[in-house]
Amino acid sequence: MTELVNYFSNYLWLGIVAFLVAFLLARRLLPMIIFLSREKNLMDAPGERSAHFEKTPNLGGAGIFIAFSLSILILAGSFHRFLGNTNELLILLAAITITFFLGVKDDLIGISAKTKLWGQNMAVSLVILFSDLRIEHLGGLFGIGEIPYFLSIVLTALVFLFLINAFNLTDGVDGLASTVGILACVTFGYFFLSAGKGLYGLLCIALAGALLAFLKYNLSRKSKIFMGDSGSLTIGFMIGYLGIRLLQPGSSETAGLLISDNYLPVLAVLSFPVTDTLRVAVLRLSRRRNPFKADRNHIHHRFLNSGFSHRQTTLFISLYNLFLIGLMIGLKSINIYLAFSILILLMCGYACLPRWLQALSETSFSTPEIWKQLNAFIRMNIW
C-alpha cells in the first residue's frame, strides 16, 4: 500500500486519476439525469431568446457538480499528505454548493436577478474571508503595487462576481461554455502543477474531466442536455476562483511567470466571457436599455445570425481563444504594457470574427467548394 501511495504522489499520475474519476462519474451520471429529466418533464422550453427549437433537459450542471465534487473528495481523502492543507477545500465545496443550488432553483422555477446576486455574494464572501482569496498585488501593472487589505477584498469580490456572471452568459450555444471552461482548466492546471500547487492543479483537471464528459452529451443530437444555470454558475465560480488564486503571490513562479506576468495569460483565458459581457453591457447602455435585461446581442448570436451552426460557432471562438492564450504566454518577455495593448486589441476581434469568416468564405482565395469541404470536415471528423 505504501508503494502505491508513493507512486501516486507524482502529480502527473494524480492528475490522470483526477481526470478519469471525474470523467467516468460524469459519463455515468448524465444519462441518468437525462432520463429523469424527461420522465419528470424537467425540461427547458424554447423561448424568443433560445437558440434551440425543442424541449431539452437542462440539469447537466448536476452531473458536472456531483462528478467534480466526488472526485476531489476521493482524491483529497486518499492523498491528503501530498496536497497540503485541504481545509480550504471544504470551504470551496461549501461555496460551490451554494452556487449550484442557486442555479438549480433558477433552472426549475426561476429566481430574480437580485436573489441570484445575493446568493452569489454569500458564496464569494465565504471563500474570500475564510480561505484568504484576494487580489493582493498588481505587480506594477498600471503603476499599482500592493493593494490595502479592505480594498483588495472589495476588488476581489467585484471581479469574482463579474466573472461568475460573465461565464454564465457564454452558455448560449451548444458546447461553448464547456469548451471555454476546458481551455481555462487546462491552462490554469498547467501553471499550478508547474508551480507544485497540487491541490489547485487537481481542481482544474477534475473539472476538465467532468466538462469533457458533459460536452459529448451537450453536442449530441439524440441525447442532448444543457448545463443550465446550475452548471454555468458553478463552473463560472470555479474558473473565477482559480483565476484569482493564480494571481496571488507564489502561485506560478516555477512556471516561469511573475505576478505581473500572470495577469495577461489569465485575462487571455477569460477573454471571451469578459469581452462578450462588456460589449453587451455597452451596447445596452448606449441604447438606453437595462444592462441586465437579456437580449440576442451576444457574440455567439452574431455567429448564428451569420449562418454558422452551433458547432462551428464553438469551434471558431475556441480556436481564437486558444490563439490568444498561446500568444500571451509567448509574449511574457516583452513590455507588459505593449503585450496588454495587443491583447485588448485582439479581444475586440471576437466581435469581428463572424464577419471575417464570412468574408473569407467569399474571397477568391476560398472557393465555395473549399468552404463546403471545410464544413463537411468539421461535421464529420471533429464532431
Protein backbone atom coordinates (compact mmCIF):
# COMPACT_ATOMS: atom_id res chain seq x y z
CA MET A 1 0.00 0.00 0.00
CA THR A 2 2.90 2.34 0.83
CA GLU A 3 4.41 1.79 -2.61
CA LEU A 4 1.06 2.53 -4.24
CA VAL A 5 0.70 5.80 -2.33
CA ASN A 6 4.26 6.85 -3.21
CA TYR A 7 3.60 6.03 -6.84
CA PHE A 8 0.60 8.32 -6.91
CA SER A 9 2.48 11.11 -5.14
CA ASN A 10 3.62 12.16 -8.59
CA TYR A 11 1.28 14.97 -9.62
CA LEU A 12 1.14 13.68 -13.17
CA TRP A 13 -0.42 10.42 -12.06
CA LEU A 14 -2.67 12.17 -9.57
CA GLY A 15 -3.83 14.40 -12.40
CA ILE A 16 -4.63 11.42 -14.62
CA VAL A 17 -6.59 9.79 -11.80
CA ALA A 18 -8.48 13.04 -11.05
CA PHE A 19 -9.40 13.43 -14.72
CA LEU A 20 -10.53 9.82 -15.17
CA VAL A 21 -12.58 9.71 -11.95
CA ALA A 22 -14.44 12.92 -12.80
CA PHE A 23 -14.87 11.94 -16.46
CA LEU A 24 -16.21 8.45 -15.72
CA LEU A 25 -18.52 9.66 -12.95
CA ALA A 26 -20.00 12.34 -15.23
CA ARG A 27 -20.37 9.84 -18.10
CA ARG A 28 -22.34 7.59 -15.75
CA LEU A 29 -24.47 10.31 -14.18
CA LEU A 30 -25.50 12.37 -17.20
CA PRO A 31 -27.56 9.65 -18.97
CA MET A 32 -29.42 9.09 -15.69
CA ILE A 33 -30.12 12.82 -15.38
CA ILE A 34 -31.34 12.96 -19.00
CA PHE A 35 -33.71 10.04 -18.37
CA LEU A 36 -35.01 11.50 -15.10
CA SER A 37 -35.49 14.96 -16.66
CA ARG A 38 -37.58 13.51 -19.47
CA GLU A 39 -39.64 11.35 -17.12
CA LYS A 40 -40.39 14.26 -14.77
CA ASN A 41 -40.60 16.85 -17.58
CA LEU A 42 -37.75 18.90 -16.13
CA MET A 43 -37.05 20.47 -19.50
CA ASP A 44 -36.04 23.83 -20.91
CA ALA A 45 -38.71 25.03 -23.31
CA PRO A 46 -37.67 27.23 -26.28
CA GLY A 47 -38.22 30.97 -25.87
CA GLU A 48 -37.71 34.04 -28.02
CA ARG A 49 -34.03 34.22 -26.96
CA SER A 50 -33.42 30.48 -27.28
CA ALA A 51 -31.07 29.03 -29.86
CA HIS A 52 -32.84 25.64 -29.72
CA PHE A 53 -36.26 24.63 -31.02
CA GLU A 54 -37.44 21.78 -28.81
CA LYS A 55 -37.69 20.93 -25.14
CA THR A 56 -34.33 19.80 -23.76
CA PRO A 57 -33.15 18.62 -20.31
CA ASN A 58 -31.27 21.46 -18.62
CA LEU A 59 -29.85 19.95 -15.42
CA GLY A 60 -26.49 18.90 -16.85
CA GLY A 61 -24.88 21.05 -14.18
CA ALA A 62 -25.95 18.44 -11.61
CA GLY A 63 -23.83 15.78 -13.31
CA ILE A 64 -20.84 18.13 -13.56
CA PHE A 65 -21.14 19.26 -9.93
CA ILE A 66 -21.54 15.76 -8.46
CA ALA A 67 -18.74 14.24 -10.56
CA PHE A 68 -16.35 17.09 -9.78
CA SER A 69 -17.13 17.20 -6.05
CA LEU A 70 -16.90 13.43 -5.53
CA SER A 71 -13.64 13.10 -7.47
CA ILE A 72 -11.99 15.86 -5.44
CA LEU A 73 -13.23 14.45 -2.12
CA ILE A 74 -11.97 10.98 -3.04
CA LEU A 75 -8.54 12.27 -4.02
CA ALA A 76 -8.24 14.65 -1.06
CA GLY A 77 -9.20 11.89 1.35
CA SER A 78 -6.80 9.36 -0.19
CA PHE A 79 -3.77 11.55 -0.90
CA HIS A 80 -4.12 14.49 1.51
CA ARG A 81 -0.48 14.19 2.60
CA PHE A 82 0.62 15.27 -0.89
CA LEU A 83 -1.96 18.02 -1.36
CA GLY A 84 -1.14 20.11 1.69
CA ASN A 85 -3.84 21.75 3.80
CA THR A 86 -7.19 20.53 2.49
CA ASN A 87 -9.29 22.64 4.91
CA GLU A 88 -9.59 25.20 2.14
CA LEU A 89 -11.20 22.51 0.01
CA LEU A 90 -14.12 22.17 2.44
CA ILE A 91 -14.73 25.92 2.29
CA LEU A 92 -14.60 25.84 -1.50
CA LEU A 93 -17.03 22.91 -1.73
CA ALA A 94 -19.44 24.71 0.61
CA ALA A 95 -19.31 27.81 -1.59
CA ILE A 96 -19.85 25.97 -4.88
CA THR A 97 -22.70 24.00 -3.26
CA ILE A 98 -24.46 27.30 -2.54
CA THR A 99 -23.85 28.40 -6.12
CA PHE A 100 -25.02 25.08 -7.52
CA PHE A 101 -28.35 25.02 -5.67
CA LEU A 102 -28.89 28.66 -6.58
CA GLY A 103 -28.59 27.61 -10.22
CA VAL A 104 -30.85 24.57 -9.74
CA LYS A 105 -33.60 26.76 -8.30
CA ASP A 106 -33.24 29.17 -11.22
CA ASP A 107 -33.41 26.28 -13.72
CA LEU A 108 -36.52 24.76 -12.16
CA ILE A 109 -38.68 27.67 -11.03
CA GLY A 110 -36.69 30.82 -11.82
CA ILE A 111 -35.39 33.44 -9.39
CA SER A 112 -34.90 37.18 -9.59
CA ALA A 113 -31.55 38.70 -10.55
CA LYS A 114 -31.40 40.32 -7.09
CA THR A 115 -31.82 36.98 -5.28
CA LYS A 116 -29.26 35.35 -7.55
CA LEU A 117 -26.76 38.13 -6.85
CA TRP A 118 -27.25 37.86 -3.08
CA GLY A 119 -26.64 34.11 -3.22
CA GLN A 120 -23.51 34.57 -5.31
CA ASN A 121 -22.26 37.23 -2.92
CA MET A 122 -22.70 34.81 0.00
CA ALA A 123 -20.63 32.13 -1.75
CA VAL A 124 -17.95 34.62 -2.82
CA SER A 125 -17.69 36.11 0.68
CA LEU A 126 -17.23 32.63 2.11
CA VAL A 127 -14.07 31.87 0.12
CA ILE A 128 -12.67 35.41 0.34
CA LEU A 129 -12.97 35.68 4.10
CA PHE A 130 -12.21 32.09 5.16
CA SER A 131 -9.62 31.00 2.59
CA ASP A 132 -7.91 34.37 2.17
CA LEU A 133 -8.61 34.58 -1.55
CA ARG A 134 -7.62 38.11 -2.54
CA ILE A 135 -6.13 40.10 -5.38
CA GLU A 136 -3.32 41.45 -3.21
CA HIS A 137 -0.91 42.90 -5.71
CA LEU A 138 -0.99 44.16 -9.30
CA GLY A 139 2.75 43.69 -9.72
CA GLY A 140 3.25 47.22 -11.01
CA LEU A 141 0.54 46.96 -13.68
CA PHE A 142 -0.86 50.49 -14.23
CA GLY A 143 1.68 51.65 -11.67
CA ILE A 144 -0.18 49.85 -8.85
CA GLY A 145 1.67 47.60 -6.44
CA GLU A 146 0.31 46.19 -3.19
CA ILE A 147 -3.38 46.87 -2.53
CA PRO A 148 -4.64 47.74 1.00
CA TYR A 149 -6.46 44.86 2.70
CA PHE A 150 -10.01 46.27 2.63
CA LEU A 151 -9.73 47.48 -0.97
CA SER A 152 -8.34 44.09 -2.03
CA ILE A 153 -11.41 42.37 -0.55
CA VAL A 154 -13.80 44.73 -2.35
CA LEU A 155 -11.89 44.44 -5.64
CA THR A 156 -11.75 40.64 -5.39
CA ALA A 157 -15.48 40.39 -4.69
CA LEU A 158 -16.37 42.62 -7.65
CA VAL A 159 -14.06 40.77 -10.05
CA PHE A 160 -15.31 37.41 -8.77
CA LEU A 161 -18.99 38.31 -9.20
CA PHE A 162 -18.32 39.73 -12.66
CA LEU A 163 -16.54 36.55 -13.80
CA ILE A 164 -19.29 34.26 -12.48
CA ASN A 165 -21.98 36.12 -14.39
CA ALA A 166 -19.80 36.67 -17.47
CA PHE A 167 -19.23 32.93 -17.74
CA ASN A 168 -22.95 32.32 -17.21
CA LEU A 169 -23.67 34.42 -20.31
CA THR A 170 -21.41 32.26 -22.52
CA ASP A 171 -23.84 29.35 -22.21
CA GLY A 172 -25.78 30.33 -25.31
CA VAL A 173 -24.87 27.71 -27.92
CA ASP A 174 -24.02 24.02 -27.75
CA GLY A 175 -20.57 23.26 -26.41
CA LEU A 176 -19.37 26.85 -25.98
CA ALA A 177 -19.40 27.22 -22.19
CA SER A 178 -17.91 23.76 -21.60
CA THR A 179 -15.18 24.24 -24.23
CA VAL A 180 -14.17 27.63 -22.85
CA GLY A 181 -14.18 26.04 -19.40
CA ILE A 182 -11.92 23.19 -20.55
CA LEU A 183 -9.43 25.66 -22.08
CA ALA A 184 -9.36 27.59 -18.79
CA CYS A 185 -8.89 24.44 -16.70
CA VAL A 186 -6.07 23.08 -18.87
CA THR A 187 -4.21 26.42 -18.87
CA PHE A 188 -4.63 27.10 -15.15
CA GLY A 189 -3.86 23.47 -14.32
CA TYR A 190 -0.57 23.66 -16.22
CA PHE A 191 0.56 26.72 -14.25
CA PHE A 192 -0.50 25.33 -10.87
CA LEU A 193 1.10 21.92 -11.38
CA SER A 194 4.28 23.51 -12.76
CA ALA A 195 4.49 25.52 -9.54
CA GLY A 196 3.87 22.45 -7.36
CA LYS A 197 0.41 23.66 -6.30
CA GLY A 198 -1.08 20.17 -6.45
CA LEU A 199 -4.47 20.86 -4.89
CA TYR A 200 -5.35 23.69 -7.30
CA GLY A 201 -3.96 21.75 -10.23
CA LEU A 202 -6.16 18.77 -9.42
CA LEU A 203 -9.20 21.02 -9.11
CA CYS A 204 -8.54 22.18 -12.68
CA ILE A 205 -8.00 18.68 -14.04
CA ALA A 206 -11.04 17.17 -12.32
CA LEU A 207 -13.28 19.96 -13.59
CA ALA A 208 -11.87 19.48 -17.11
CA GLY A 209 -12.72 15.76 -16.92
CA ALA A 210 -16.32 16.42 -15.89
CA LEU A 211 -16.71 19.09 -18.59
CA LEU A 212 -15.33 16.83 -21.32
CA ALA A 213 -17.86 14.13 -20.42
CA PHE A 214 -20.65 16.72 -20.47
CA LEU A 215 -19.51 18.04 -23.85
CA LYS A 216 -20.36 14.73 -25.54
CA TYR A 217 -23.99 14.94 -24.43
CA ASN A 218 -24.28 18.68 -24.98
CA LEU A 219 -23.29 18.17 -28.64
CA SER A 220 -25.38 15.04 -29.06
CA ARG A 221 -28.43 15.14 -31.33
CA LYS A 222 -30.27 12.24 -29.67
CA SER A 223 -29.28 12.57 -26.00
CA LYS A 224 -28.77 16.33 -25.71
CA ILE A 225 -28.63 18.07 -22.35
CA PHE A 226 -27.88 21.66 -21.35
CA MET A 227 -25.78 22.55 -18.32
CA GLY A 228 -28.30 25.19 -17.22
CA ASP A 229 -27.56 27.83 -14.62
CA SER A 230 -26.71 25.05 -12.18
CA GLY A 231 -23.73 24.28 -14.40
CA SER A 232 -22.73 27.66 -15.80
CA LEU A 233 -22.81 29.41 -12.40
CA THR A 234 -20.87 26.59 -10.72
CA ILE A 235 -18.25 26.47 -13.47
CA GLY A 236 -18.05 30.27 -13.55
CA PHE A 237 -17.44 30.25 -9.81
CA MET A 238 -14.65 27.69 -10.13
CA ILE A 239 -12.99 29.46 -13.07
CA GLY A 240 -13.16 32.77 -11.21
CA TYR A 241 -11.75 31.18 -8.05
CA LEU A 242 -8.86 29.52 -9.87
CA GLY A 243 -8.06 32.60 -11.94
CA ILE A 244 -7.89 34.85 -8.88
CA ARG A 245 -5.88 32.25 -6.96
CA LEU A 246 -3.37 32.17 -9.81
CA LEU A 247 -2.84 35.93 -9.38
CA GLN A 248 -1.73 35.57 -5.78
CA PRO A 249 2.00 35.68 -4.92
CA GLY A 250 3.76 32.34 -5.22
CA SER A 251 1.15 30.77 -7.50
CA SER A 252 3.25 30.11 -10.58
CA GLU A 253 6.83 31.34 -10.35
CA THR A 254 8.02 27.82 -11.09
CA ALA A 255 6.19 28.02 -14.41
CA GLY A 256 8.35 30.99 -15.38
CA LEU A 257 5.78 33.70 -14.68
CA LEU A 258 5.97 36.58 -12.24
CA ILE A 259 2.91 38.11 -10.58
CA SER A 260 2.62 40.89 -13.14
CA ASP A 261 3.04 38.35 -15.98
CA ASN A 262 0.14 36.25 -14.68
CA TYR A 263 -2.47 38.86 -15.48
CA LEU A 264 -2.10 38.58 -19.24
CA PRO A 265 -2.46 34.77 -19.53
CA VAL A 266 -5.37 34.85 -17.07
CA LEU A 267 -7.07 37.65 -18.99
CA ALA A 268 -6.44 35.77 -22.25
CA VAL A 269 -8.08 32.65 -20.79
CA LEU A 270 -11.11 34.69 -19.73
CA SER A 271 -11.05 36.92 -22.81
CA PHE A 272 -14.24 35.64 -24.44
CA PRO A 273 -16.65 35.92 -21.47
CA VAL A 274 -15.08 39.25 -20.45
CA THR A 275 -15.25 40.72 -23.96
CA ASP A 276 -18.78 39.46 -24.62
CA THR A 277 -20.17 40.73 -21.32
CA LEU A 278 -18.57 44.19 -21.57
CA ARG A 279 -19.63 44.53 -25.22
CA VAL A 280 -23.26 43.63 -24.46
CA ALA A 281 -23.38 45.98 -21.45
CA VAL A 282 -22.02 48.90 -23.51
CA LEU A 283 -24.49 48.22 -26.33
CA ARG A 284 -27.45 48.13 -23.96
CA LEU A 285 -26.41 51.30 -22.15
CA SER A 286 -25.79 53.14 -25.44
CA ARG A 287 -29.34 52.25 -26.48
CA ARG A 288 -30.67 53.33 -23.07
CA ARG A 289 -31.70 49.82 -22.12
CA ASN A 290 -31.35 47.95 -18.86
CA PRO A 291 -27.84 46.37 -18.97
CA PHE A 292 -29.18 43.35 -17.04
CA LYS A 293 -32.08 42.64 -19.40
CA ALA A 294 -31.35 39.68 -21.67
CA ASP A 295 -31.31 40.02 -25.46
CA ARG A 296 -29.77 38.42 -28.56
CA ASN A 297 -26.78 40.74 -28.96
CA HIS A 298 -24.12 38.32 -27.73
CA ILE A 299 -21.19 37.40 -29.96
CA HIS A 300 -22.43 33.82 -30.35
CA HIS A 301 -25.76 35.20 -31.58
CA ARG A 302 -23.87 37.11 -34.26
CA PHE A 303 -22.35 33.84 -35.41
CA LEU A 304 -25.76 32.18 -35.60
CA ASN A 305 -27.25 35.16 -37.43
CA SER A 306 -24.39 34.94 -39.95
CA GLY A 307 -25.35 31.36 -40.80
CA PHE A 308 -22.86 29.44 -38.67
CA SER A 309 -24.02 26.35 -36.79
CA HIS A 310 -23.67 25.86 -33.03
CA ARG A 311 -20.68 23.58 -33.52
CA GLN A 312 -18.94 25.94 -35.93
CA THR A 313 -19.54 28.84 -33.55
CA THR A 314 -17.99 26.91 -30.67
CA LEU A 315 -15.05 25.77 -32.80
CA PHE A 316 -14.10 29.21 -34.14
CA ILE A 317 -14.48 31.03 -30.81
CA SER A 318 -12.48 28.33 -29.01
CA LEU A 319 -9.68 28.40 -31.60
CA TYR A 320 -9.44 32.18 -31.33
CA ASN A 321 -9.40 31.91 -27.53
CA LEU A 322 -6.63 29.31 -27.74
CA PHE A 323 -4.66 31.61 -30.05
CA LEU A 324 -4.86 34.48 -27.53
CA ILE A 325 -3.76 32.22 -24.67
CA GLY A 326 -0.74 30.96 -26.59
CA LEU A 327 0.17 34.46 -27.74
CA MET A 328 0.13 35.94 -24.23
CA ILE A 329 2.23 33.11 -22.84
CA GLY A 330 4.70 33.64 -25.68
CA LEU A 331 4.83 37.42 -25.14
CA LYS A 332 5.59 37.23 -21.41
CA SER A 333 9.12 38.52 -22.01
CA ILE A 334 8.14 41.77 -23.74
CA ASN A 335 6.99 45.01 -22.13
CA ILE A 336 3.81 44.30 -20.17
CA TYR A 337 2.04 47.45 -21.42
CA LEU A 338 2.73 46.56 -25.04
CA ALA A 339 1.51 42.99 -24.50
CA PHE A 340 -1.58 44.29 -22.69
CA SER A 341 -2.38 46.67 -25.57
CA ILE A 342 -2.03 43.83 -28.09
CA LEU A 343 -4.32 41.61 -26.04
CA ILE A 344 -7.03 44.27 -25.68
CA LEU A 345 -6.92 44.98 -29.41
CA LEU A 346 -7.20 41.28 -30.28
CA MET A 347 -10.01 40.77 -27.77
CA CYS A 348 -12.08 43.21 -29.83
CA GLY A 349 -11.62 40.74 -32.68
CA TYR A 350 -14.15 38.35 -31.10
CA ALA A 351 -16.99 40.59 -32.27
CA CYS A 352 -15.50 40.77 -35.77
CA LEU A 353 -14.93 37.02 -36.18
CA PRO A 354 -18.29 36.24 -37.84
CA ARG A 355 -17.76 38.97 -40.45
CA TRP A 356 -14.12 37.96 -41.05
CA LEU A 357 -15.01 34.30 -41.53
CA GLN A 358 -17.94 35.16 -43.76
CA ALA A 359 -15.73 37.41 -45.88
CA LEU A 360 -13.10 34.68 -46.07
CA SER A 361 -15.66 32.28 -47.48
CA GLU A 362 -16.47 34.75 -50.28
CA THR A 363 -12.93 35.62 -51.39
CA SER A 364 -11.20 34.19 -54.39
CA PHE A 365 -8.75 32.51 -52.02
CA SER A 366 -11.52 30.40 -50.58
CA THR A 367 -13.82 28.97 -53.23
CA PRO A 368 -17.31 27.75 -52.29
CA GLU A 369 -16.11 24.18 -52.83
CA ILE A 370 -13.25 24.61 -50.31
CA TRP A 371 -15.64 26.16 -47.79
CA LYS A 372 -18.08 23.32 -48.32
CA GLN A 373 -15.32 20.78 -47.72
CA LEU A 374 -14.27 22.59 -44.53
CA ASN A 375 -17.85 22.45 -43.23
CA ALA A 376 -18.04 18.76 -44.06
CA PHE A 377 -14.74 18.14 -42.26
CA ILE A 378 -16.00 19.94 -39.15
CA ARG A 379 -19.26 17.97 -39.10
CA MET A 380 -17.88 14.55 -39.98
CA ASN A 381 -14.43 14.43 -38.41
CA ILE A 382 -14.28 16.85 -35.50
CA TRP A 383 -17.77 16.50 -34.07
